[in-house]
PDB file of N, CA and C in Angstrom:
ATOM      1  N   UNK A   1      -5.401  -4.626  -5.346  1.00  0.00           N
ATOM      2  CA  UNK A   1      -5.211  -3.458  -6.252  1.00  0.00           C
ATOM      3  C   UNK A   1      -3.886  -2.539  -5.575  1.00  0.00           C
ATOM      4  N   UNK A   2      -2.988  -2.613  -6.433  1.00  0.00           N
ATOM      5  CA  UNK A   2      -1.871  -1.630  -5.873  1.00  0.00           C
ATOM      6  C   UNK A   2      -1.606  -0.547  -6.491  1.00  0.00           C
ATOM      7  N   UNK A   3      -1.199   0.864  -5.916  1.00  0.00           N
ATOM      8  CA  UNK A   3      -0.923   1.728  -6.340  1.00  0.00           C
ATOM      9  C   UNK A   3       0.190   2.601  -6.005  1.00  0.00           C
ATOM     10  N   UNK A   4       1.109   2.938  -6.896  1.00  0.00           N
ATOM     11  CA  UNK A   4       2.442   3.575  -6.637  1.00  0.00           C
ATOM     12  C   UNK A   4       2.097   4.945  -6.491  1.00  0.00           C
ATOM     13  N   UNK A   5       2.103   5.631  -5.627  1.00  0.00           N
ATOM     14  CA  UNK A   5       1.748   6.989  -4.963  1.00  0.00           C
ATOM     15  C   UNK A   5       2.899   8.113  -5.500  1.00  0.00           C
ATOM     16  N   UNK A   6       2.735   9.034  -6.508  1.00  0.00           N
ATOM     17  CA  UNK A   6       3.863  10.039  -6.412  1.00  0.00           C
ATOM     18  C   UNK A   6       3.388  11.153  -6.516  1.00  0.00           C
ATOM     19  N   UNK A   7       4.357  12.063  -6.551  1.00  0.00           N
ATOM     20  CA  UNK A   7       3.714  13.719  -6.078  1.00  0.00           C
ATOM     21  C   UNK A   7       2.688  13.944  -6.993  1.00  0.00           C
ATOM     22  N   UNK A   8       2.582  13.686  -8.336  1.00  0.00           N
ATOM     23  CA  UNK A   8       1.550  14.224  -9.145  1.00  0.00           C
ATOM     24  C   UNK A   8       0.355  13.480  -9.215  1.00  0.00           C
ATOM     25  N   UNK A   9       0.073  12.198  -8.249  1.00  0.00           N
ATOM     26  CA  UNK A   9      -0.826  11.376  -8.281  1.00  0.00           C
ATOM     27  C   UNK A   9      -1.402  11.202  -6.897  1.00  0.00           C
ATOM     28  N   UNK A  10      -0.957  11.821  -5.794  1.00  0.00           N
ATOM     29  CA  UNK A  10      -1.442  11.747  -4.403  1.00  0.00           C
ATOM     30  C   UNK A  10      -2.870  11.973  -4.481  1.00  0.00           C
ATOM     31  N   UNK A  11      -3.591  13.004  -4.766  1.00  0.00           N
ATOM     32  CA  UNK A  11      -4.935  13.035  -4.631  1.00  0.00           C
ATOM     33  C   UNK A  11      -5.800  11.945  -5.461  1.00  0.00           C
ATOM     34  N   UNK A  12      -5.415  11.644  -6.802  1.00  0.00           N
ATOM     35  CA  UNK A  12      -6.134  10.625  -7.499  1.00  0.00           C
ATOM     36  C   UNK A  12      -5.814   9.264  -6.632  1.00  0.00           C
ATOM     37  N   UNK A  13      -4.723   8.885  -6.270  1.00  0.00           N
ATOM     38  CA  UNK A  13      -4.630   7.586  -5.615  1.00  0.00           C
ATOM     39  C   UNK A  13      -5.190   7.399  -4.204  1.00  0.00           C
ATOM     40  N   UNK A  14      -4.902   8.336  -3.317  1.00  0.00           N
ATOM     41  CA  UNK A  14      -5.438   8.403  -2.043  1.00  0.00           C
ATOM     42  C   UNK A  14      -6.970   8.793  -1.715  1.00  0.00           C
ATOM     43  N   UNK A  15      -7.605   9.402  -2.706  1.00  0.00           N
ATOM     44  CA  UNK A  15      -8.779   9.840  -2.544  1.00  0.00           C
ATOM     45  C   UNK A  15      -9.804   9.286  -3.660  1.00  0.00           C
ATOM     46  N   UNK A  16      -9.412   9.709  -5.047  1.00  0.00           N
ATOM     47  CA  UNK A  16     -10.391   9.381  -5.806  1.00  0.00           C
ATOM     48  C   UNK A  16     -10.286   7.786  -6.276  1.00  0.00           C
ATOM     49  N   UNK A  17      -9.338   7.287  -6.413  1.00  0.00           N
ATOM     50  CA  UNK A  17      -9.146   6.025  -6.833  1.00  0.00           C
ATOM     51  C   UNK A  17      -9.676   5.138  -5.420  1.00  0.00           C
ATOM     52  N   UNK A  18      -9.312   5.642  -4.438  1.00  0.00           N
ATOM     53  CA  UNK A  18      -9.709   5.028  -2.878  1.00  0.00           C
ATOM     54  C   UNK A  18     -11.074   4.833  -3.020  1.00  0.00           C
ATOM     55  N   UNK A  19     -11.713   5.815  -3.110  1.00  0.00           N
ATOM     56  CA  UNK A  19     -13.334   5.667  -3.040  1.00  0.00           C
ATOM     57  C   UNK A  19     -13.935   5.061  -4.133  1.00  0.00           C
ATOM     58  N   UNK A  20     -13.298   5.108  -5.391  1.00  0.00           N
ATOM     59  CA  UNK A  20     -13.865   4.054  -6.712  1.00  0.00           C
ATOM     60  C   UNK A  20     -13.555   2.706  -5.917  1.00  0.00           C
ATOM     61  N   UNK A  21     -12.545   2.295  -5.806  1.00  0.00           N
ATOM     62  CA  UNK A  21     -12.241   1.038  -5.431  1.00  0.00           C
ATOM     63  C   UNK A  21     -13.106   0.398  -4.272  1.00  0.00           C
ATOM     64  N   UNK A  22     -13.356   1.332  -3.134  1.00  0.00           N
ATOM     65  CA  UNK A  22     -14.187   1.123  -2.022  1.00  0.00           C
ATOM     66  C   UNK A  22     -15.390   0.656  -2.639  1.00  0.00           C
ATOM     67  N   UNK A  23     -15.765   1.600  -3.430  1.00  0.00           N
ATOM     68  CA  UNK A  23     -17.502   1.618  -4.028  1.00  0.00           C
ATOM     69  C   UNK A  23     -17.875   0.259  -4.828  1.00  0.00           C
ATOM     70  N   UNK A  24     -16.960  -0.035  -5.614  1.00  0.00           N
ATOM     71  CA  UNK A  24     -16.735  -1.327  -6.323  1.00  0.00           C
ATOM     72  C   UNK A  24     -16.310  -2.659  -5.714  1.00  0.00           C
ATOM     73  N   UNK A  25     -16.108  -2.544  -4.346  1.00  0.00           N
ATOM     74  CA  UNK A  25     -15.633  -3.847  -3.833  1.00  0.00           C
ATOM     75  C   UNK A  25     -14.580  -4.349  -3.837  1.00  0.00           C
ATOM     76  N   UNK A  26     -13.300  -3.571  -4.122  1.00  0.00           N
ATOM     77  CA  UNK A  26     -12.195  -4.268  -4.428  1.00  0.00           C
ATOM     78  C   UNK A  26     -11.616  -4.550  -2.717  1.00  0.00           C
ATOM     79  N   UNK A  27     -11.494  -5.709  -2.500  1.00  0.00           N
ATOM     80  CA  UNK A  27     -11.204  -6.165  -0.957  1.00  0.00           C
ATOM     81  C   UNK A  27      -9.762  -5.632  -0.409  1.00  0.00           C
ATOM     82  N   UNK A  28      -8.765  -5.311  -1.254  1.00  0.00           N
ATOM     83  CA  UNK A  28      -7.602  -5.059  -0.822  1.00  0.00           C
ATOM     84  C   UNK A  28      -7.015  -3.820  -1.447  1.00  0.00           C
ATOM     85  N   UNK A  29      -6.474  -3.080  -0.905  1.00  0.00           N
ATOM     86  CA  UNK A  29      -6.192  -1.600  -1.520  1.00  0.00           C
ATOM     87  C   UNK A  29      -4.666  -1.351  -0.991  1.00  0.00           C
ATOM     88  N   UNK A  30      -3.731  -1.314  -2.048  1.00  0.00           N
ATOM     89  CA  UNK A  30      -2.218  -1.013  -1.258  1.00  0.00           C
ATOM     90  C   UNK A  30      -1.668   0.339  -1.931  1.00  0.00           C
ATOM     91  N   UNK A  31      -1.372   0.993  -1.005  1.00  0.00           N
ATOM     92  CA  UNK A  31      -0.729   2.608  -1.514  1.00  0.00           C
ATOM     93  C   UNK A  31       0.755   2.377  -1.165  1.00  0.00           C
ATOM     94  N   UNK A  32       1.570   2.449  -2.175  1.00  0.00           N
ATOM     95  CA  UNK A  32       2.986   2.274  -2.029  1.00  0.00           C
ATOM     96  C   UNK A  32       3.570   3.981  -2.413  1.00  0.00           C
ATOM     97  N   UNK A  33       4.142   4.400  -1.346  1.00  0.00           N
ATOM     98  CA  UNK A  33       4.849   5.967  -1.211  1.00  0.00           C
ATOM     99  C   UNK A  33       6.189   5.753  -1.333  1.00  0.00           C
ATOM    100  N   UNK A  34       6.689   5.577  -2.634  1.00  0.00           N
ATOM    101  CA  UNK A  34       8.106   5.370  -2.621  1.00  0.00           C
ATOM    102  C   UNK A  34       8.956   6.464  -2.152  1.00  0.00           C
ATOM    103  N   UNK A  35       8.478   7.735  -2.229  1.00  0.00           N
ATOM    104  CA  UNK A  35       9.476   9.015  -1.550  1.00  0.00           C
ATOM    105  C   UNK A  35       9.114   8.946  -0.153  1.00  0.00           C
ATOM    106  N   UNK A  36       8.441   8.196   0.466  1.00  0.00           N
ATOM    107  CA  UNK A  36       8.184   8.470   1.850  1.00  0.00           C
ATOM    108  C   UNK A  36       8.765   6.896   2.572  1.00  0.00           C
ATOM    109  N   UNK A  37       9.025   6.278   1.574  1.00  0.00           N
ATOM    110  CA  UNK A  37       9.319   4.618   1.845  1.00  0.00           C
ATOM    111  C   UNK A  37       8.299   3.969   2.738  1.00  0.00           C
ATOM    112  N   UNK A  38       7.205   4.037   2.058  1.00  0.00           N
ATOM    113  CA  UNK A  38       5.974   3.587   3.068  1.00  0.00           C
ATOM    114  C   UNK A  38       5.239   2.684   2.163  1.00  0.00           C
ATOM    115  N   UNK A  39       4.550   1.680   2.987  1.00  0.00           N
ATOM    116  CA  UNK A  39       3.355   1.130   2.192  1.00  0.00           C
ATOM    117  C   UNK A  39       2.264   0.919   3.200  1.00  0.00           C
ATOM    118  N   UNK A  40       1.063   1.373   2.866  1.00  0.00           N
ATOM    119  CA  UNK A  40      -0.487   1.355   3.485  1.00  0.00           C
ATOM    120  C   UNK A  40      -1.090   0.108   2.933  1.00  0.00           C
ATOM    121  N   UNK A  41      -1.553  -0.646   3.586  1.00  0.00           N
ATOM    122  CA  UNK A  41      -2.685  -1.710   2.969  1.00  0.00           C
ATOM    123  C   UNK A  41      -3.935  -1.695   3.780  1.00  0.00           C
ATOM    124  N   UNK A  42      -4.850  -1.470   3.030  1.00  0.00           N
ATOM    125  CA  UNK A  42      -6.046  -1.288   3.330  1.00  0.00           C
ATOM    126  C   UNK A  42      -6.961  -2.263   2.951  1.00  0.00           C
ATOM    127  N   UNK A  43      -8.178  -2.851   3.848  1.00  0.00           N
ATOM    128  CA  UNK A  43      -8.789  -4.103   3.629  1.00  0.00           C
ATOM    129  C   UNK A  43     -10.318  -3.563   3.623  1.00  0.00           C
ATOM    130  N   UNK A  44     -11.418  -4.125   2.904  1.00  0.00           N
ATOM    131  CA  UNK A  44     -12.633  -4.043   2.712  1.00  0.00           C
ATOM    132  C   UNK A  44     -13.335  -4.481   4.045  1.00  0.00           C
ATOM    133  N   UNK A  45     -14.052  -3.778   4.869  1.00  0.00           N
ATOM    134  CA  UNK A  45     -14.907  -4.245   5.853  1.00  0.00           C
ATOM    135  C   UNK A  45     -15.963  -3.862   5.993  1.00  0.00           C
ATOM    136  N   UNK A  46     -17.147  -4.505   5.727  1.00  0.00           N
ATOM    137  CA  UNK A  46     -18.560  -3.797   5.678  1.00  0.00           C
ATOM    138  C   UNK A  46     -18.922  -2.632   4.584  1.00  0.00           C
ATOM    139  N   UNK A  47     -17.994  -2.631   3.313  1.00  0.00           N
ATOM    140  CA  UNK A  47     -18.116  -2.049   2.432  1.00  0.00           C
ATOM    141  C   UNK A  47     -17.333  -0.629   2.702  1.00  0.00           C
ATOM    142  N   UNK A  48     -16.579  -0.644   3.691  1.00  0.00           N
ATOM    143  CA  UNK A  48     -15.486   0.515   3.962  1.00  0.00           C
ATOM    144  C   UNK A  48     -14.288   0.132   4.039  1.00  0.00           C
ATOM    145  N   UNK A  49     -13.373   0.721   3.799  1.00  0.00           N
ATOM    146  CA  UNK A  49     -11.852   0.604   3.826  1.00  0.00           C
ATOM    147  C   UNK A  49     -11.439   0.718   5.232  1.00  0.00           C
ATOM    148  N   UNK A  50     -10.530  -0.098   6.010  1.00  0.00           N
ATOM    149  CA  UNK A  50      -9.852   0.210   7.212  1.00  0.00           C
ATOM    150  C   UNK A  50      -8.327  -0.075   6.945  1.00  0.00           C
ATOM    151  N   UNK A  51      -7.477   0.809   7.558  1.00  0.00           N
ATOM    152  CA  UNK A  51      -6.094   0.391   7.492  1.00  0.00           C
ATOM    153  C   UNK A  51      -5.766  -0.836   8.296  1.00  0.00           C
ATOM    154  N   UNK A  52      -5.370  -1.887   7.330  1.00  0.00           N
ATOM    155  CA  UNK A  52      -4.830  -3.240   8.143  1.00  0.00           C
ATOM    156  C   UNK A  52      -3.471  -2.915   8.436  1.00  0.00           C
ATOM    157  N   UNK A  53      -2.626  -2.274   7.782  1.00  0.00           N
ATOM    158  CA  UNK A  53      -1.184  -2.263   8.246  1.00  0.00           C
ATOM    159  C   UNK A  53      -0.448  -1.235   7.387  1.00  0.00           C
ATOM    160  N   UNK A  54       0.659  -0.835   7.985  1.00  0.00           N
ATOM    161  CA  UNK A  54       1.437   0.266   7.317  1.00  0.00           C
ATOM    162  C   UNK A  54       2.875   0.266   7.876  1.00  0.00           C
ATOM    163  N   UNK A  55       3.904   0.544   6.989  1.00  0.00           N
ATOM    164  CA  UNK A  55       5.191   0.442   7.081  1.00  0.00           C
ATOM    165  C   UNK A  55       5.825   1.656   7.700  1.00  0.00           C
ATOM    166  N   UNK A  56       4.917   2.479   8.062  1.00  0.00           N
ATOM    167  CA  UNK A  56       5.324   4.087   8.416  1.00  0.00           C
ATOM    168  C   UNK A  56       6.316   4.004   9.562  1.00  0.00           C
ATOM    169  N   UNK A  57       6.038   2.997  10.807  1.00  0.00           N
ATOM    170  CA  UNK A  57       6.797   3.184  11.624  1.00  0.00           C
ATOM    171  C   UNK A  57       8.180   2.228  11.712  1.00  0.00           C
ATOM    172  N   UNK A  58       8.293   1.655  10.449  1.00  0.00           N
ATOM    173  CA  UNK A  58       9.535   0.917  10.270  1.00  0.00           C
ATOM    174  C   UNK A  58      10.376   1.436   9.035  1.00  0.00           C
ATOM    175  N   UNK A  59      10.372   2.862   9.046  1.00  0.00           N
ATOM    176  CA  UNK A  59      11.146   3.552   7.880  1.00  0.00           C
ATOM    177  C   UNK A  59      12.734   2.988   7.498  1.00  0.00           C
ATOM    178  N   UNK A  60      13.439   2.629   8.921  1.00  0.00           N
ATOM    179  CA  UNK A  60      14.796   2.333   8.711  1.00  0.00           C
ATOM    180  C   UNK A  60      14.935   1.161   7.834  1.00  0.00           C
ATOM    181  N   UNK A  61      13.893   0.248   8.055  1.00  0.00           N
ATOM    182  CA  UNK A  61      13.985  -1.343   7.471  1.00  0.00           C
ATOM    183  C   UNK A  61      13.580  -1.247   6.392  1.00  0.00           C
ATOM    184  N   UNK A  62      12.893  -0.270   5.545  1.00  0.00           N
ATOM    185  CA  UNK A  62      12.301  -0.271   4.316  1.00  0.00           C
ATOM    186  C   UNK A  62      12.818   0.318   3.510  1.00  0.00           C
ATOM    187  N   UNK A  63      13.028  -0.528   2.235  1.00  0.00           N
ATOM    188  CA  UNK A  63      13.799   0.254   0.776  1.00  0.00           C
ATOM    189  C   UNK A  63      12.881   0.310   0.062  1.00  0.00           C
ATOM    190  N   UNK A  64      12.606   1.319  -0.755  1.00  0.00           N
ATOM    191  CA  UNK A  64      12.015   1.100  -2.098  1.00  0.00           C
ATOM    192  C   UNK A  64      12.881   1.200  -3.342  1.00  0.00           C
ATOM    193  N   UNK A  65      12.881  -0.009  -4.045  1.00  0.00           N
ATOM    194  CA  UNK A  65      13.707   0.048  -5.354  1.00  0.00           C
ATOM    195  C   UNK A  65      12.975  -0.391  -6.518  1.00  0.00           C
ATOM    196  N   UNK A  66      11.696   0.179  -6.830  1.00  0.00           N
ATOM    197  CA  UNK A  66      10.869  -0.262  -7.681  1.00  0.00           C
ATOM    198  C   UNK A  66      11.237   0.262  -9.219  1.00  0.00           C
ATOM    199  N   UNK A  67      12.038  -0.973  -9.830  1.00  0.00           N
ATOM    200  CA  UNK A  67      12.314  -0.416 -11.396  1.00  0.00           C
ATOM    201  C   UNK A  67      11.540  -1.330 -12.215  1.00  0.00           C
ATOM    202  N   UNK A  68      11.031  -2.622 -11.882  1.00  0.00           N
ATOM    203  CA  UNK A  68      10.462  -3.632 -12.747  1.00  0.00           C
ATOM    204  C   UNK A  68       9.239  -4.133 -12.132  1.00  0.00           C
ATOM    205  N   UNK A  69       8.321  -4.621 -12.655  1.00  0.00           N
ATOM    206  CA  UNK A  69       7.198  -5.272 -12.063  1.00  0.00           C
ATOM    207  C   UNK A  69       7.925  -6.460 -11.418  1.00  0.00           C
ATOM    208  N   UNK A  70       8.749  -7.269 -11.618  1.00  0.00           N
ATOM    209  CA  UNK A  70       9.578  -8.011 -10.745  1.00  0.00           C
ATOM    210  C   UNK A  70       9.774  -7.739  -9.617  1.00  0.00           C
ATOM    211  N   UNK A  71      10.805  -6.722  -9.246  1.00  0.00           N
ATOM    212  CA  UNK A  71      10.982  -6.115  -8.269  1.00  0.00           C
ATOM    213  C   UNK A  71      10.037  -5.741  -7.118  1.00  0.00           C
ATOM    214  N   UNK A  72       9.095  -5.133  -8.079  1.00  0.00           N
ATOM    215  CA  UNK A  72       7.727  -4.446  -7.249  1.00  0.00           C
ATOM    216  C   UNK A  72       6.859  -5.700  -6.567  1.00  0.00           C
ATOM    217  N   UNK A  73       7.035  -6.820  -7.040  1.00  0.00           N
ATOM    218  CA  UNK A  73       6.449  -7.948  -6.575  1.00  0.00           C
ATOM    219  C   UNK A  73       7.170  -8.373  -5.299  1.00  0.00           C
ATOM    220  N   UNK A  74       8.490  -8.524  -5.754  1.00  0.00           N
ATOM    221  CA  UNK A  74       9.285  -8.643  -4.326  1.00  0.00           C
ATOM    222  C   UNK A  74       9.185  -7.915  -3.172  1.00  0.00           C
ATOM    223  N   UNK A  75       9.307  -6.627  -3.491  1.00  0.00           N
ATOM    224  CA  UNK A  75       9.252  -5.565  -2.584  1.00  0.00           C
ATOM    225  C   UNK A  75       7.496  -5.665  -1.740  1.00  0.00           C
ATOM    226  N   UNK A  76       6.681  -5.819  -2.552  1.00  0.00           N
ATOM    227  CA  UNK A  76       5.513  -6.299  -2.104  1.00  0.00           C
ATOM    228  C   UNK A  76       4.998  -7.359  -0.997  1.00  0.00           C
ATOM    229  N   UNK A  77       5.701  -8.615  -1.532  1.00  0.00           N
ATOM    230  CA  UNK A  77       5.673  -9.574  -0.625  1.00  0.00           C
ATOM    231  C   UNK A  77       6.487  -9.498   0.513  1.00  0.00           C
ATOM    232  N   UNK A  78       7.673  -8.862   0.299  1.00  0.00           N
ATOM    233  CA  UNK A  78       8.674  -8.579   1.476  1.00  0.00           C
ATOM    234  C   UNK A  78       8.165  -8.083   2.578  1.00  0.00           C
ATOM    235  N   UNK A  79       7.237  -6.920   2.249  1.00  0.00           N
ATOM    236  CA  UNK A  79       6.594  -5.806   3.096  1.00  0.00           C
ATOM    237  C   UNK A  79       5.636  -6.517   3.885  1.00  0.00           C
ATOM    238  N   UNK A  80       4.546  -7.186   3.307  1.00  0.00           N
ATOM    239  CA  UNK A  80       3.493  -7.903   3.737  1.00  0.00           C
ATOM    240  C   UNK A  80       3.984  -8.703   4.855  1.00  0.00           C
ATOM    241  N   UNK A  81       4.936  -9.585   4.367  1.00  0.00           N
ATOM    242  CA  UNK A  81       5.441 -10.697   5.296  1.00  0.00           C
ATOM    243  C   UNK A  81       6.092  -9.718   6.525  1.00  0.00           C
ATOM    244  N   UNK A  82       7.033  -8.855   6.451  1.00  0.00           N
ATOM    245  CA  UNK A  82       7.608  -8.344   7.486  1.00  0.00           C
ATOM    246  C   UNK A  82       6.292  -7.497   8.354  1.00  0.00           C
ATOM    247  N   UNK A  83       5.418  -7.147   7.684  1.00  0.00           N
ATOM    248  CA  UNK A  83       4.336  -6.585   8.508  1.00  0.00           C
ATOM    249  C   UNK A  83       3.482  -7.587   9.386  1.00  0.00           C
ATOM    250  N   UNK A  84       3.098  -8.701   8.563  1.00  0.00           N
ATOM    251  CA  UNK A  84       2.447  -9.862   9.273  1.00  0.00           C
ATOM    252  C   UNK A  84       3.161 -10.356  10.564  1.00  0.00           C
ATOM    253  N   UNK A  85       4.661 -10.570  10.304  1.00  0.00           N
ATOM    254  CA  UNK A  85       5.541 -11.118  11.381  1.00  0.00           C
ATOM    255  C   UNK A  85       5.397 -10.028  12.651  1.00  0.00           C
ATOM    256  N   UNK A  86       5.455  -8.618  12.411  1.00  0.00           N
ATOM    257  CA  UNK A  86       5.529  -7.858  13.465  1.00  0.00           C
ATOM    258  C   UNK A  86       4.272  -7.635  14.034  1.00  0.00           C
ATOM    259  N   UNK A  87       3.097  -7.829  13.504  1.00  0.00           N
ATOM    260  CA  UNK A  87       1.796  -7.995  14.281  1.00  0.00           C
ATOM    261  C   UNK A  87       1.527  -9.057  14.924  1.00  0.00           C
ATOM    262  N   UNK A  88       2.486 -10.299  14.745  1.00  0.00           N
ATOM    263  CA  UNK A  88       2.228 -11.469  15.565  1.00  0.00           C
ATOM    264  C   UNK A  88       1.160 -12.223  14.894  1.00  0.00           C
TER     265      UNK A  88
END
């Protein structure tokens, strides 16, 4: 599941939906913060989400230009690939 977190949806996306998706066993939850230029990826482990990776430390290399679902897919694929590469 991927959520784009905006000023008006912070609580809903980072708390309410987070708990709902966790409760119903959604295996992976991405939070995209375009204003902060950050992506956080959570994975389900023993019925609880844990932070798998974050682009927070790589802000200068991360650019958000989400205009269409196609560009969003490209952003998501690029970000996860970059994070996996940096984790070794």
